[in-house]
């Protein structure tokens, strides 16, 4: 240990302990997830979104008369609007605050273990988790036959 910090070391249960106060959230710390959530949701609210009262990881906004929805889990996001230009604008605004994101567009996505397919022919959405379940069963060591 750097000797200049020796005056800040305390002994607890026979062990040397040095307490630090972080200036920024550190990934893996207990409060980091809450700090990220607050930062992200505050950013969305400033952009005109309202949090869904039934799921606080979903935000909606009426843009050009149509609903824009953002759903997220930690830093994985799904943005939808009928107008691709609106989606691009929202992504650009988020990137101003949080830097460049990896963006995947199209009618098929894998999001949080869900295979999501948007069906243009009948206006429905198909959500499957077959591959995710296969992985979970394989990881568990159970025989699924």
Protein backbone atom coordinates (compact mmCIF):
# COMPACT_ATOMS: atom_id res chain seq x y z
CA UNK A 1 0.00 0.00 0.00
CA UNK A 2 1.16 3.51 -0.70
CA UNK A 3 2.56 4.87 2.62
CA UNK A 4 0.82 8.24 2.17
CA UNK A 5 -2.51 6.51 2.96
CA UNK A 6 -1.29 4.84 6.17
CA UNK A 7 -2.88 7.54 8.38
CA UNK A 8 -6.30 6.62 6.98
CA UNK A 9 -6.04 2.89 7.74
CA UNK A 10 -8.08 1.56 10.65
CA UNK A 11 -7.95 -1.83 12.33
CA UNK A 12 -11.22 -3.78 12.38
CA UNK A 13 -11.38 -7.34 13.69
CA UNK A 14 -7.59 -7.52 13.55
CA UNK A 15 -7.43 -6.51 9.88
CA UNK A 16 -6.29 -3.31 8.22
CA UNK A 17 -9.17 -1.52 6.49
CA UNK A 18 -9.11 1.54 4.23
CA UNK A 19 -12.47 3.16 3.46
CA UNK A 20 -12.86 5.16 0.27
CA UNK A 21 -15.54 7.47 -1.05
CA UNK A 22 -16.04 7.03 -4.78
CA UNK A 23 -16.49 10.08 -6.97
CA UNK A 24 -18.42 8.07 -9.58
CA UNK A 25 -20.50 4.90 -9.58
CA UNK A 26 -18.32 1.81 -9.84
CA UNK A 27 -19.78 -1.18 -11.68
CA UNK A 28 -20.64 -3.91 -9.20
CA UNK A 29 -21.16 -1.67 -6.18
CA UNK A 30 -24.52 -2.00 -4.47
CA UNK A 31 -25.74 1.50 -5.30
CA UNK A 32 -24.39 1.59 -8.87
CA UNK A 33 -27.51 0.02 -10.38
CA UNK A 34 -29.73 2.57 -8.64
CA UNK A 35 -27.50 5.46 -9.69
CA UNK A 36 -27.59 4.24 -13.31
CA UNK A 37 -31.38 3.79 -13.20
CA UNK A 38 -31.88 7.30 -11.80
CA UNK A 39 -29.54 8.84 -14.39
CA UNK A 40 -31.16 6.99 -17.30
CA UNK A 41 -34.77 7.60 -16.24
CA UNK A 42 -34.10 11.28 -15.51
CA UNK A 43 -32.62 11.60 -19.00
CA UNK A 44 -35.73 10.02 -20.55
CA UNK A 45 -38.06 12.22 -18.50
CA UNK A 46 -36.13 15.31 -19.64
CA UNK A 47 -36.69 14.07 -23.21
CA UNK A 48 -40.46 14.04 -22.58
CA UNK A 49 -40.99 10.38 -21.67
CA UNK A 50 -43.22 9.22 -18.83
CA UNK A 51 -42.45 6.09 -16.83
CA UNK A 52 -45.02 3.33 -17.05
CA UNK A 53 -46.60 2.99 -13.58
CA UNK A 54 -46.86 -0.80 -14.00
CA UNK A 55 -43.28 -1.35 -15.13
CA UNK A 56 -40.74 1.29 -14.15
CA UNK A 57 -38.31 0.05 -16.81
CA UNK A 58 -40.65 1.11 -19.60
CA UNK A 59 -41.14 4.71 -20.69
CA UNK A 60 -43.56 6.12 -23.25
CA UNK A 61 -43.98 9.37 -25.12
CA UNK A 62 -46.40 10.55 -27.79
CA UNK A 63 -44.29 11.76 -30.71
CA UNK A 64 -46.00 13.04 -33.87
CA UNK A 65 -49.26 11.48 -32.70
CA UNK A 66 -47.85 7.97 -32.18
CA UNK A 67 -46.51 6.19 -29.14
CA UNK A 68 -42.77 5.79 -28.72
CA UNK A 69 -41.79 3.14 -26.19
CA UNK A 70 -38.42 2.48 -24.60
CA UNK A 71 -37.99 -0.67 -22.53
CA UNK A 72 -34.72 -1.49 -20.80
CA UNK A 73 -32.91 -3.85 -18.53
CA UNK A 74 -29.76 -2.27 -17.11
CA UNK A 75 -28.12 -0.99 -20.32
CA UNK A 76 -29.99 -3.11 -22.88
CA UNK A 77 -32.67 -1.00 -24.54
CA UNK A 78 -35.50 -1.57 -26.97
CA UNK A 79 -36.96 1.48 -28.69
CA UNK A 80 -40.03 1.33 -30.90
CA UNK A 81 -42.03 3.82 -32.93
CA UNK A 82 -43.82 3.45 -36.25
CA UNK A 83 -41.48 6.05 -37.79
CA UNK A 84 -37.84 4.93 -38.13
CA UNK A 85 -36.71 8.57 -38.20
CA UNK A 86 -38.14 9.09 -34.71
CA UNK A 87 -36.23 6.04 -33.45
CA UNK A 88 -33.04 7.46 -34.99
CA UNK A 89 -33.65 10.84 -33.33
CA UNK A 90 -34.19 9.22 -29.92
CA UNK A 91 -31.03 7.11 -30.30
CA UNK A 92 -29.02 10.21 -31.21
CA UNK A 93 -30.33 12.10 -28.17
CA UNK A 94 -29.46 9.20 -25.86
CA UNK A 95 -26.00 8.94 -27.45
CA UNK A 96 -25.32 12.63 -26.74
CA UNK A 97 -25.60 11.81 -23.04
CA UNK A 98 -24.19 8.25 -22.95
CA UNK A 99 -21.94 7.89 -26.02
CA UNK A 100 -22.29 5.63 -29.05
CA UNK A 101 -24.56 2.60 -28.73
CA UNK A 102 -24.66 -0.63 -30.68
CA UNK A 103 -27.91 -0.48 -32.66
CA UNK A 104 -29.68 -3.40 -34.28
CA UNK A 105 -32.67 -2.69 -36.52
CA UNK A 106 -35.11 -4.96 -38.26
CA UNK A 107 -38.05 -7.26 -37.72
CA UNK A 108 -36.17 -9.84 -35.62
CA UNK A 109 -34.32 -9.22 -32.36
CA UNK A 110 -32.92 -11.21 -29.48
CA UNK A 111 -33.51 -9.20 -26.31
CA UNK A 112 -32.93 -10.60 -22.82
CA UNK A 113 -33.24 -14.18 -24.03
CA UNK A 114 -36.41 -13.51 -26.01
CA UNK A 115 -36.53 -14.05 -29.77
CA UNK A 116 -38.84 -11.26 -30.92
CA UNK A 117 -40.25 -11.19 -34.44
CA UNK A 118 -42.50 -8.43 -35.75
CA UNK A 119 -44.93 -9.85 -38.33
CA UNK A 120 -45.89 -7.26 -40.94
CA UNK A 121 -48.44 -9.52 -42.64
CA UNK A 122 -50.82 -9.60 -39.66
CA UNK A 123 -49.52 -6.89 -37.30
CA UNK A 124 -48.58 -9.31 -34.52
CA UNK A 125 -45.44 -9.94 -32.53
CA UNK A 126 -44.08 -13.42 -31.84
CA UNK A 127 -41.97 -13.89 -28.73
CA UNK A 128 -40.18 -17.20 -28.21
CA UNK A 129 -37.66 -18.31 -25.60
CA UNK A 130 -36.88 -21.79 -26.86
CA UNK A 131 -33.12 -21.25 -27.32
CA UNK A 132 -32.85 -19.48 -23.96
CA UNK A 133 -34.62 -22.37 -22.24
CA UNK A 134 -32.38 -24.91 -23.98
CA UNK A 135 -29.32 -23.03 -22.69
CA UNK A 136 -30.76 -22.84 -19.16
CA UNK A 137 -31.48 -26.56 -19.13
CA UNK A 138 -28.01 -27.38 -20.49
CA UNK A 139 -26.38 -25.09 -17.89
CA UNK A 140 -28.36 -26.76 -15.10
CA UNK A 141 -27.03 -30.20 -15.97
CA UNK A 142 -30.55 -31.64 -15.97
CA UNK A 143 -31.63 -34.17 -18.56
CA UNK A 144 -34.44 -32.61 -20.61
CA UNK A 145 -35.31 -35.71 -22.63
